[in-house]
Amino acid sequence: MSLPVTYHLEVYQDSFLNDPIWSVKASTPFPALSKGDSFDHRALNEATWSYFPEKGQEFVIAKIRHIFWDLKSELGHKLMVILKAVDIQN
């Protein structure tokens, strides 16, 4: 019997030391995310941003952490990403 899998995405600003500014849970995997990917924050109205990119800047993924668990009743995968504001590269 296969166990159900839950997928979690947590978004942080600058460090994993603080609480995530936004998180979501899903029953299907998230698309691949990579360090350096641009991250468009504008649709995340529920996020508790500590700051926004300045003019000429954007958020990019600075670090990624994966956590996996097996609770015997479900499997889990948490994807944690740190965003940093950087100058937009042309």
Protein backbone atom coordinates (compact mmCIF):
# COMPACT_ATOMS: atom_id res chain seq x y z
CA MET A 1 0.00 0.00 0.00
CA SER A 2 1.38 3.41 -0.93
CA LEU A 3 1.15 6.24 1.55
CA PRO A 4 -0.25 9.67 0.69
CA VAL A 5 2.36 12.36 0.18
CA THR A 6 1.96 15.97 1.28
CA TYR A 7 4.07 18.75 -0.18
CA HIS A 8 4.85 21.99 1.60
CA LEU A 9 6.48 25.19 0.38
CA GLU A 10 7.75 27.78 2.84
CA VAL A 11 9.14 31.16 1.76
CA TYR A 12 11.57 33.10 3.95
CA GLN A 13 13.28 36.46 3.60
CA ASP A 14 17.04 36.58 4.17
CA SER A 15 17.26 33.69 6.71
CA PHE A 16 15.65 30.47 7.93
CA LEU A 17 15.92 31.82 11.50
CA ASN A 18 12.63 33.73 11.31
CA ASP A 19 9.15 32.38 10.65
CA PRO A 20 8.23 31.88 7.00
CA ILE A 21 6.56 34.88 5.42
CA TRP A 22 4.31 32.62 3.35
CA SER A 23 3.56 28.90 3.17
CA VAL A 24 1.30 26.53 1.28
CA LYS A 25 0.46 22.82 1.40
CA ALA A 26 -0.41 20.71 -1.68
CA SER A 27 -1.16 17.15 -2.70
CA THR A 28 1.04 17.36 -5.82
CA PRO A 29 4.72 18.29 -6.12
CA PHE A 30 5.77 21.86 -6.80
CA PRO A 31 7.69 22.65 -10.00
CA ALA A 32 11.47 22.54 -9.73
CA LEU A 33 12.97 25.63 -8.08
CA SER A 34 16.65 26.52 -8.34
CA LYS A 35 19.01 28.92 -6.64
CA GLY A 36 19.08 32.13 -8.66
CA ASP A 37 15.53 31.75 -10.02
CA SER A 38 13.51 34.96 -10.11
CA PHE A 39 10.58 34.86 -7.66
CA ASP A 40 7.58 37.06 -8.44
CA HIS A 41 6.10 38.06 -5.09
CA ARG A 42 3.27 40.30 -6.31
CA ALA A 43 0.45 37.72 -6.16
CA LEU A 44 1.22 36.67 -2.58
CA ASN A 45 -1.07 39.16 -0.86
CA GLU A 46 -1.24 37.09 2.35
CA ALA A 47 2.52 37.11 2.85
CA THR A 48 3.97 39.13 5.71
CA TRP A 49 6.84 40.76 3.82
CA SER A 50 9.43 42.54 5.92
CA TYR A 51 10.48 44.56 2.86
CA PHE A 52 9.91 44.71 -0.89
CA PRO A 53 12.47 44.96 -3.69
CA GLU A 54 13.37 48.53 -4.55
CA LYS A 55 12.97 49.92 -8.05
CA GLY A 56 15.33 48.04 -10.35
CA GLN A 57 15.43 45.01 -8.04
CA GLU A 58 13.69 41.65 -7.87
CA PHE A 59 13.50 38.73 -5.45
CA VAL A 60 15.62 35.70 -6.33
CA ILE A 61 15.96 32.36 -4.59
CA ALA A 62 19.17 32.52 -2.57
CA LYS A 63 19.02 29.16 -0.78
CA ILE A 64 16.91 26.00 -0.83
CA ARG A 65 16.43 23.40 1.89
CA HIS A 66 14.54 20.10 1.58
CA ILE A 67 13.03 18.21 4.53
CA PHE A 68 11.49 14.75 4.18
CA TRP A 69 9.53 12.69 6.68
CA ASP A 70 7.77 9.35 7.01
CA LEU A 71 5.05 9.29 9.67
CA LYS A 72 3.92 5.73 8.81
CA SER A 73 0.54 7.26 7.83
CA GLU A 74 1.91 9.81 5.32
CA LEU A 75 5.09 10.88 3.61
CA GLY A 76 6.07 14.53 3.44
CA HIS A 77 8.37 16.82 1.51
CA LYS A 78 8.93 20.39 2.64
CA LEU A 79 10.68 22.81 0.31
CA MET A 80 12.03 25.87 2.11
CA VAL A 81 13.40 28.82 0.12
CA ILE A 82 15.15 32.01 1.14
CA LEU A 83 14.54 35.10 -1.01
CA LYS A 84 16.85 38.06 -1.34
CA ALA A 85 16.33 41.29 -3.24
CA VAL A 86 18.99 41.79 -5.93
CA ASP A 87 19.53 44.18 -8.83
CA ILE A 88 17.73 43.06 -12.00
CA GLN A 89 20.15 41.56 -14.50
CA ASN A 90 19.51 42.44 -18.15
